[in-house]
C-alpha cells in the first residue's frame, strides 16, 4: 500500500464505521474520465459536480455511507488509476 494511503488508513481507523465520508476529486472534463470517476460510487451517494472557470476540469464531490476504512481506501486506489484525476 502506498505511504499516502497508510497514513490515511491510520486516520480513518480512529473513526467509527459505517460512516458518511466526503470524497473530493478534480477530473478532466471529458465525459469518459468523468464517467469513470462517478462510477466509483453507488447511486445512493450525494454527487455534486462543479466545472472550473475555464471548463477544462470538473470538481467532483461525493458524500456516501462507507462501511469501513478499507472501503474508503479502495475508492482512492481506484481513483488513482484513472488518468488525470487528482484526489483531494
C-alpha atoms as a PDB file:
ATOM      1  CA  UNK A   1       0.000   0.000   0.000  1.00  0.00           C
ATOM      2  CA  UNK A   2       1.290   3.457  -0.911  1.00  0.00           C
ATOM      3  CA  UNK A   3       2.578   5.516   2.044  1.00  0.00           C
ATOM      4  CA  UNK A   4      -0.114   8.169   1.495  1.00  0.00           C
ATOM      5  CA  UNK A   5      -2.817   5.559   1.920  1.00  0.00           C
ATOM      6  CA  UNK A   6      -1.184   4.056   5.020  1.00  0.00           C
ATOM      7  CA  UNK A   7      -1.396   7.411   6.793  1.00  0.00           C
ATOM      8  CA  UNK A   8      -4.969   7.965   5.640  1.00  0.00           C
ATOM      9  CA  UNK A   9      -5.953   4.457   6.768  1.00  0.00           C
ATOM     10  CA  UNK A  10      -4.477   5.129  10.202  1.00  0.00           C
ATOM     11  CA  UNK A  11      -6.571   8.290  10.493  1.00  0.00           C
ATOM     12  CA  UNK A  12      -9.704   6.567   9.224  1.00  0.00           C
ATOM     13  CA  UNK A  13      -9.381   3.731  11.724  1.00  0.00           C
ATOM     14  CA  UNK A  14      -9.875   6.280  14.501  1.00  0.00           C
ATOM     15  CA  UNK A  15     -13.464   6.821  13.310  1.00  0.00           C
ATOM     16  CA  UNK A  16     -16.490   4.634  13.904  1.00  0.00           C
ATOM     17  CA  UNK A  17     -17.799   2.745  10.878  1.00  0.00           C
ATOM     18  CA  UNK A  18     -20.119   2.719   8.985  1.00  0.00           C
ATOM     19  CA  UNK A  19     -19.978   6.484   8.457  1.00  0.00           C
ATOM     20  CA  UNK A  20     -20.697   9.132   5.851  1.00  0.00           C
ATOM     21  CA  UNK A  21     -17.442  10.019   4.104  1.00  0.00           C
ATOM     22  CA  UNK A  22     -16.812  13.076   1.928  1.00  0.00           C
ATOM     23  CA  UNK A  23     -14.726  12.464  -1.202  1.00  0.00           C
ATOM     24  CA  UNK A  24     -13.419  15.205  -3.474  1.00  0.00           C
ATOM     25  CA  UNK A  25     -11.672  14.787  -6.807  1.00  0.00           C
ATOM     26  CA  UNK A  26     -10.585  17.034  -9.656  1.00  0.00           C
ATOM     27  CA  UNK A  27     -11.246  15.404 -13.028  1.00  0.00           C
ATOM     28  CA  UNK A  28     -10.561  16.433 -16.599  1.00  0.00           C
ATOM     29  CA  UNK A  29     -13.912  17.492 -18.046  1.00  0.00           C
ATOM     30  CA  UNK A  30     -14.006  14.875 -20.803  1.00  0.00           C
ATOM     31  CA  UNK A  31     -17.093  12.640 -20.492  1.00  0.00           C
ATOM     32  CA  UNK A  32     -15.188   9.328 -20.434  1.00  0.00           C
ATOM     33  CA  UNK A  33     -12.989  10.298 -17.472  1.00  0.00           C
ATOM     34  CA  UNK A  34     -15.903  11.849 -15.609  1.00  0.00           C
ATOM     35  CA  UNK A  35     -17.933   8.645 -16.114  1.00  0.00           C
ATOM     36  CA  UNK A  36     -15.083   6.581 -14.630  1.00  0.00           C
ATOM     37  CA  UNK A  37     -14.944   8.819 -11.552  1.00  0.00           C
ATOM     38  CA  UNK A  38     -18.695   8.815 -10.936  1.00  0.00           C
ATOM     39  CA  UNK A  39     -18.801   5.018 -11.458  1.00  0.00           C
ATOM     40  CA  UNK A  40     -16.709   4.641  -8.281  1.00  0.00           C
ATOM     41  CA  UNK A  41     -19.815   5.442  -6.231  1.00  0.00           C
ATOM     42  CA  UNK A  42     -23.188   3.873  -5.548  1.00  0.00           C
ATOM     43  CA  UNK A  43     -26.426   5.544  -6.645  1.00  0.00           C
ATOM     44  CA  UNK A  44     -27.373   6.419  -3.066  1.00  0.00           C
ATOM     45  CA  UNK A  45     -24.391   8.763  -2.671  1.00  0.00           C
ATOM     46  CA  UNK A  46     -24.833  12.539  -2.956  1.00  0.00           C
ATOM     47  CA  UNK A  47     -22.887  13.687  -6.015  1.00  0.00           C
ATOM     48  CA  UNK A  48     -22.022  17.300  -6.840  1.00  0.00           C
ATOM     49  CA  UNK A  49     -20.226  18.451  -9.998  1.00  0.00           C
ATOM     50  CA  UNK A  50     -18.730  21.905 -10.438  1.00  0.00           C
ATOM     51  CA  UNK A  51     -16.881  22.938 -13.599  1.00  0.00           C
ATOM     52  CA  UNK A  52     -13.712  25.009 -13.366  1.00  0.00           C
ATOM     53  CA  UNK A  53     -13.714  28.609 -14.527  1.00  0.00           C
ATOM     54  CA  UNK A  54     -12.281  27.745 -17.950  1.00  0.00           C
ATOM     55  CA  UNK A  55     -14.164  24.432 -18.241  1.00  0.00           C
ATOM     56  CA  UNK A  56     -11.132  22.154 -18.545  1.00  0.00           C
ATOM     57  CA  UNK A  57     -11.736  20.417 -15.201  1.00  0.00           C
ATOM     58  CA  UNK A  58     -14.647  19.412 -13.017  1.00  0.00           C
ATOM     59  CA  UNK A  59     -14.690  19.230  -9.240  1.00  0.00           C
ATOM     60  CA  UNK A  60     -16.442  16.016  -8.173  1.00  0.00           C
ATOM     61  CA  UNK A  61     -17.700  15.952  -4.579  1.00  0.00           C
ATOM     62  CA  UNK A  62     -19.439  12.889  -3.157  1.00  0.00           C
ATOM     63  CA  UNK A  63     -20.905  12.088   0.249  1.00  0.00           C
ATOM     64  CA  UNK A  64     -21.516   8.385   0.665  1.00  0.00           C
ATOM     65  CA  UNK A  65     -22.005   5.929   3.502  1.00  0.00           C
ATOM     66  CA  UNK A  66     -18.900   3.773   3.696  1.00  0.00           C
ATOM     67  CA  UNK A  67     -18.777   0.556   5.697  1.00  0.00           C
ATOM     68  CA  UNK A  68     -15.100   0.669   6.710  1.00  0.00           C
ATOM     69  CA  UNK A  69     -11.798   2.498   6.403  1.00  0.00           C
ATOM     70  CA  UNK A  70     -10.696  -0.094   3.845  1.00  0.00           C
ATOM     71  CA  UNK A  71     -13.719   0.714   1.655  1.00  0.00           C
ATOM     72  CA  UNK A  72     -12.639   4.369   1.618  1.00  0.00           C
ATOM     73  CA  UNK A  73      -9.067   3.406   0.698  1.00  0.00           C
ATOM     74  CA  UNK A  74     -10.375   1.161  -2.103  1.00  0.00           C
ATOM     75  CA  UNK A  75     -12.117   4.162  -3.701  1.00  0.00           C
ATOM     76  CA  UNK A  76      -8.923   6.233  -3.537  1.00  0.00           C
ATOM     77  CA  UNK A  77      -6.829   3.399  -5.006  1.00  0.00           C
ATOM     78  CA  UNK A  78      -9.273   3.003  -7.918  1.00  0.00           C
ATOM     79  CA  UNK A  79      -9.397   6.773  -8.480  1.00  0.00           C
ATOM     80  CA  UNK A  80      -5.588   6.918  -8.583  1.00  0.00           C
ATOM     81  CA  UNK A  81      -5.691   4.568 -11.584  1.00  0.00           C
ATOM     82  CA  UNK A  82      -7.830   6.982 -13.631  1.00  0.00           C
ATOM     83  CA  UNK A  83      -5.568   9.142 -15.787  1.00  0.00           C
ATOM     84  CA  UNK A  84      -5.683  12.844 -14.932  1.00  0.00           C
ATOM     85  CA  UNK A  85      -7.748  12.533 -11.734  1.00  0.00           C
ATOM     86  CA  UNK A  86      -6.490  14.259  -8.590  1.00  0.00           C
ATOM     87  CA  UNK A  87      -7.707  13.181  -5.142  1.00  0.00           C
ATOM     88  CA  UNK A  88      -8.097  15.928  -2.578  1.00  0.00           C
END
